[in-house]
N, C-alpha and C. Protein backbone atom coordinates (compact mmCIF):
# COMPACT_ATOMS: atom_id res chain seq x y z
N MET A 1 171.62 113.76 107.07
CA MET A 1 172.94 114.99 107.22
C MET A 1 173.09 114.06 108.76
N LYS A 2 174.63 114.41 108.80
CA LYS A 2 174.98 114.17 110.36
C LYS A 2 174.69 115.64 110.92
N LYS A 3 173.97 115.10 112.33
CA LYS A 3 173.55 116.43 113.29
C LYS A 3 174.95 116.48 113.96
N ARG A 4 175.12 118.24 113.60
CA ARG A 4 176.34 118.55 114.66
C ARG A 4 175.73 119.07 115.82
N LYS A 5 176.65 119.25 117.10
CA LYS A 5 176.27 120.03 118.00
C LYS A 5 176.01 121.70 118.07
N GLU A 6 175.40 121.85 119.07
CA GLU A 6 175.00 122.77 119.38
C GLU A 6 176.24 124.13 119.56
N ALA A 7 176.31 125.16 119.10
CA ALA A 7 177.20 126.06 119.71
C ALA A 7 176.68 127.21 120.14
N LYS A 8 177.39 128.01 121.22
CA LYS A 8 176.84 128.92 121.91
C LYS A 8 177.54 130.30 121.16
N LYS A 9 176.92 131.50 121.23
CA LYS A 9 177.42 132.89 120.66
C LYS A 9 177.89 133.43 121.61
N ILE A 10 179.15 133.85 121.24
CA ILE A 10 180.28 134.62 122.52
C ILE A 10 180.07 135.92 122.44
N VAL A 11 179.39 136.77 123.21
CA VAL A 11 179.34 137.78 123.38
C VAL A 11 179.90 138.83 124.54
N PHE A 12 180.87 139.94 124.16
CA PHE A 12 181.74 140.70 124.78
C PHE A 12 180.61 141.68 125.83
N LYS A 13 181.07 141.76 127.13
CA LYS A 13 180.15 142.61 127.63
C LYS A 13 180.75 143.89 127.53
N SER A 14 181.89 144.26 127.31
CA SER A 14 182.81 145.62 127.05
C SER A 14 183.95 145.21 125.76
N GLU A 15 184.65 146.64 125.11
CA GLU A 15 185.54 146.45 124.38
C GLU A 15 187.05 145.90 125.17
N LYS A 16 186.73 146.27 126.25
CA LYS A 16 187.96 145.44 127.18
C LYS A 16 188.42 144.21 127.31
N GLU A 17 186.78 143.28 127.51
CA GLU A 17 187.06 141.90 127.13
C GLU A 17 187.28 141.42 125.78
N VAL A 18 187.47 142.12 124.56
CA VAL A 18 187.52 141.75 123.24
C VAL A 18 189.50 141.38 123.40
N PRO A 19 189.64 140.39 122.85
CA PRO A 19 191.31 140.08 122.35
C PRO A 19 191.90 140.85 121.52
N LEU A 20 193.04 141.34 122.12
CA LEU A 20 194.10 142.22 121.32
C LEU A 20 194.58 142.02 119.94
N MET A 21 193.98 141.11 119.77
CA MET A 21 194.61 140.49 118.43
C MET A 21 193.37 139.25 117.67
N PRO A 22 193.71 139.18 116.23
CA PRO A 22 192.32 138.54 115.61
C PRO A 22 192.51 136.85 116.28
N MET A 23 191.82 136.11 116.89
CA MET A 23 191.73 134.75 117.26
C MET A 23 190.39 134.17 117.50
N SER A 24 190.40 132.87 117.07
CA SER A 24 189.07 132.31 117.48
C SER A 24 188.44 132.26 118.83
N VAL A 25 187.66 132.68 119.28
CA VAL A 25 187.06 132.59 120.38
C VAL A 25 185.89 131.94 120.73
N GLY A 26 185.90 131.39 119.68
CA GLY A 26 184.49 130.19 119.76
C GLY A 26 184.22 129.39 118.60
N SER A 27 183.09 128.70 118.70
CA SER A 27 182.90 127.37 117.71
C SER A 27 182.29 128.65 116.60
N PHE A 28 182.91 127.56 115.05
CA PHE A 28 182.73 128.28 114.36
C PHE A 28 181.22 127.65 113.70
N LEU A 29 181.04 126.26 114.88
CA LEU A 29 179.60 125.67 114.10
C LEU A 29 178.51 127.00 113.95
N PHE A 30 178.78 127.97 115.04
CA PHE A 30 177.59 129.30 115.37
C PHE A 30 177.14 129.89 113.87
N ASN A 31 178.53 130.02 113.35
CA ASN A 31 178.69 130.83 111.55
C ASN A 31 178.09 129.85 110.97
N LYS A 32 177.26 130.05 110.61
CA LYS A 32 176.63 129.03 109.12
C LYS A 32 177.20 129.93 107.75
N THR A 33 178.19 129.64 107.18
CA THR A 33 178.64 130.47 106.15
C THR A 33 178.28 130.03 104.73
N GLY A 34 177.40 128.83 104.64
CA GLY A 34 177.03 128.61 103.54
C GLY A 34 176.51 129.13 102.22
N VAL A 35 175.70 130.42 103.03
CA VAL A 35 175.09 131.20 102.49
C VAL A 35 176.08 132.57 101.15
N TRP A 36 176.86 132.33 101.40
CA TRP A 36 178.04 133.29 100.82
C TRP A 36 178.19 132.37 99.34
N ARG A 37 178.15 131.30 99.15
CA ARG A 37 178.59 130.52 97.98
C ARG A 37 177.84 130.80 96.64
N ASN A 38 178.15 130.53 95.34
CA ASN A 38 177.48 131.27 93.83
C ASN A 38 177.42 129.71 93.17
N ILE A 39 178.65 128.81 93.66
CA ILE A 39 178.62 127.39 93.45
C ILE A 39 178.79 126.57 94.55
N ARG A 40 178.16 125.17 93.75
CA ARG A 40 178.49 124.47 95.26
C ARG A 40 179.34 122.98 94.50
N PRO A 41 179.69 122.32 95.57
CA PRO A 41 180.55 120.95 95.11
C PRO A 41 179.13 119.88 94.83
N VAL A 42 179.41 118.97 94.19
CA VAL A 42 178.36 117.68 94.07
C VAL A 42 179.15 116.56 93.89
N ILE A 43 179.10 115.86 94.35
CA ILE A 43 179.87 114.21 94.76
C ILE A 43 179.11 113.47 93.80
N ASP A 44 179.58 112.63 93.24
CA ASP A 44 178.97 111.54 92.41
C ASP A 44 179.87 110.23 93.09
N PRO A 45 178.97 109.76 94.02
CA PRO A 45 179.58 108.60 94.99
C PRO A 45 179.74 107.13 94.25
N THR A 46 179.58 106.75 92.60
CA THR A 46 179.93 105.89 92.27
C THR A 46 180.94 105.97 91.55
N ASN A 47 181.55 106.93 91.32
CA ASN A 47 182.89 107.27 91.08
C ASN A 47 184.21 107.50 92.12
N CYS A 48 183.63 107.72 93.26
CA CYS A 48 184.81 107.98 94.09
C CYS A 48 185.30 106.80 94.72
N ILE A 49 186.58 107.02 95.03
CA ILE A 49 187.14 105.94 95.27
C ILE A 49 187.77 106.10 96.73
N GLN A 50 187.05 106.70 97.49
CA GLN A 50 187.20 106.55 99.18
C GLN A 50 188.51 107.53 99.45
N CYS A 51 189.24 108.24 99.06
CA CYS A 51 190.53 108.37 99.73
C CYS A 51 190.41 109.37 100.79
N GLY A 52 189.47 110.02 100.61
CA GLY A 52 189.29 111.25 102.05
C GLY A 52 190.40 112.79 101.78
N ILE A 53 190.51 112.64 100.49
CA ILE A 53 191.30 113.91 100.11
C ILE A 53 190.28 115.09 100.25
N CYS A 54 189.53 115.13 100.06
CA CYS A 54 188.24 116.00 99.80
C CYS A 54 188.57 116.74 100.99
N TRP A 55 187.82 115.74 102.00
CA TRP A 55 187.76 115.74 103.56
C TRP A 55 189.32 116.42 104.27
N LYS A 56 190.28 116.43 103.28
CA LYS A 56 191.58 117.04 103.90
C LYS A 56 191.96 117.88 103.54
N PHE A 57 191.16 118.29 102.25
CA PHE A 57 191.62 119.95 101.87
C PHE A 57 190.58 120.71 102.24
N CYS A 58 189.53 120.34 102.43
CA CYS A 58 188.69 121.33 102.95
C CYS A 58 188.56 122.38 104.11
N PRO A 59 188.97 123.44 103.77
CA PRO A 59 189.30 124.51 104.75
C PRO A 59 188.35 125.32 105.30
N ASP A 60 187.26 124.76 105.34
CA ASP A 60 185.69 125.02 106.20
C ASP A 60 185.59 123.81 106.99
N VAL A 61 186.22 122.73 107.05
CA VAL A 61 185.06 121.37 107.78
C VAL A 61 183.81 121.26 107.37
N ALA A 62 183.95 121.60 106.02
CA ALA A 62 182.45 121.16 105.59
C ALA A 62 182.31 119.84 104.99
N ILE A 63 183.00 118.79 104.80
CA ILE A 63 183.12 117.71 104.56
C ILE A 63 183.04 116.72 105.45
N TYR A 64 182.43 115.80 105.97
CA TYR A 64 182.78 114.86 106.62
C TYR A 64 182.60 113.32 106.22
N ILE A 65 182.73 112.28 106.34
CA ILE A 65 182.43 111.05 106.05
C ILE A 65 181.47 110.36 106.96
N GLU A 66 181.12 109.59 105.82
CA GLU A 66 179.70 108.75 106.55
C GLU A 66 179.46 107.49 105.89
N ASP A 67 179.44 106.48 106.25
CA ASP A 67 179.38 105.14 105.64
C ASP A 67 180.85 104.78 104.93
N GLU A 68 181.38 105.76 104.97
CA GLU A 68 183.01 105.54 104.42
C GLU A 68 182.76 106.45 103.02
N PHE A 69 181.83 107.45 102.85
CA PHE A 69 182.00 108.11 101.72
C PHE A 69 181.44 109.69 102.47
N PRO A 70 182.14 110.71 101.54
CA PRO A 70 182.15 111.83 101.68
C PRO A 70 180.82 112.70 101.44
N MET A 71 180.53 113.51 102.59
CA MET A 71 179.01 114.11 102.42
C MET A 71 179.72 115.76 102.42
N ILE A 72 178.37 116.38 102.07
CA ILE A 72 178.91 117.89 102.21
C ILE A 72 178.14 118.58 103.04
N ASP A 73 178.52 119.34 104.08
CA ASP A 73 177.69 120.32 104.53
C ASP A 73 177.53 121.34 104.27
N TYR A 74 175.83 121.67 103.63
CA TYR A 74 175.90 122.83 102.66
C TYR A 74 175.91 124.08 103.44
N GLU A 75 175.33 124.25 104.85
CA GLU A 75 175.44 125.13 105.77
C GLU A 75 176.72 125.52 105.84
N TYR A 76 177.80 124.83 105.90
CA TYR A 76 178.93 125.79 105.96
C TYR A 76 179.98 125.53 104.67
N CYS A 77 179.42 125.40 103.65
CA CYS A 77 180.73 124.86 102.78
C CYS A 77 180.42 126.07 101.88
N LYS A 78 181.57 127.30 101.57
CA LYS A 78 181.69 128.38 101.19
C LYS A 78 181.53 128.35 99.33
N GLY A 79 181.80 127.27 99.24
CA GLY A 79 182.04 126.83 97.53
C GLY A 79 183.22 127.29 97.01
N CYS A 80 184.52 126.75 97.59
CA CYS A 80 185.59 127.25 96.90
C CYS A 80 186.14 126.58 95.86
N GLY A 81 185.52 125.27 96.31
CA GLY A 81 186.22 124.11 94.74
C GLY A 81 187.57 123.56 95.09
N LEU A 82 187.89 123.88 96.65
CA LEU A 82 189.27 122.61 96.64
C LEU A 82 188.96 121.63 96.76
N CYS A 83 187.97 121.08 97.23
CA CYS A 83 187.60 119.58 97.00
C CYS A 83 187.28 118.93 95.52
N ALA A 84 187.05 119.59 94.63
CA ALA A 84 187.12 119.53 93.29
C ALA A 84 187.95 119.40 92.78
N GLU A 85 189.21 120.49 93.06
CA GLU A 85 190.07 120.46 92.40
C GLU A 85 191.09 119.40 92.68
N GLU A 86 191.02 119.13 94.26
CA GLU A 86 191.90 118.02 94.70
C GLU A 86 191.44 116.67 94.38
N CYS A 87 190.41 116.42 93.82
CA CYS A 87 190.11 115.40 93.81
C CYS A 87 190.49 114.37 92.67
N PRO A 88 191.26 113.11 93.04
CA PRO A 88 191.81 112.45 92.12
C PRO A 88 190.96 111.73 91.12
N SER A 89 189.84 111.24 91.35
CA SER A 89 188.90 110.61 90.52
C SER A 89 187.85 111.52 89.70
N LYS A 90 188.04 113.20 90.35
CA LYS A 90 187.43 114.10 89.52
C LYS A 90 185.83 113.69 89.81
N CYS A 91 185.25 112.92 90.81
CA CYS A 91 184.08 112.89 91.16
C CYS A 91 183.35 114.34 91.92
N ILE A 92 183.94 115.17 92.18
CA ILE A 92 183.33 116.20 92.40
C ILE A 92 183.60 117.47 91.31
N VAL A 93 182.33 117.46 91.24
CA VAL A 93 181.96 118.91 89.94
C VAL A 93 181.52 120.12 91.00
N MET A 94 181.69 120.99 89.96
CA MET A 94 180.99 122.59 90.80
C MET A 94 179.80 122.95 90.20
N VAL A 95 178.60 123.11 90.36
CA VAL A 95 177.89 123.14 89.52
C VAL A 95 177.23 124.79 90.18
N GLU A 96 176.77 125.21 89.45
CA GLU A 96 175.99 126.75 89.99
C GLU A 96 174.98 126.71 90.70
N GLU A 97 174.78 127.44 91.98
CA GLU A 97 173.67 127.33 93.00
C GLU A 97 172.29 127.66 92.56
N GLU A 98 171.53 127.13 92.83
CA GLU A 98 170.05 127.11 92.81
C GLU A 98 169.62 128.37 93.75
N LYS A 99 168.70 129.18 92.94
CA LYS A 99 168.37 130.26 93.96
C LYS A 99 166.98 129.91 94.06
């Protein structure tokens, strides 16, 4: 799996430092949101046509390309299923998360 750079947690010293509107103030790499999912995508590389559509549509940037094939970083994947829905070769299937 691809190693991601470390992210720092942003801590405000007082409520006066908090932005007035919702906005991203730091790296989403700090928030590993993969524990939210109950289904996860699984890629069958033998049917993958390497089009990159799954990477393009992933709202969580949980898909990256390694050796020209898509890979899923399950620490960040929320299991929304957009990658599987948009895949033209249907090589991505959603499976129930194992506990």
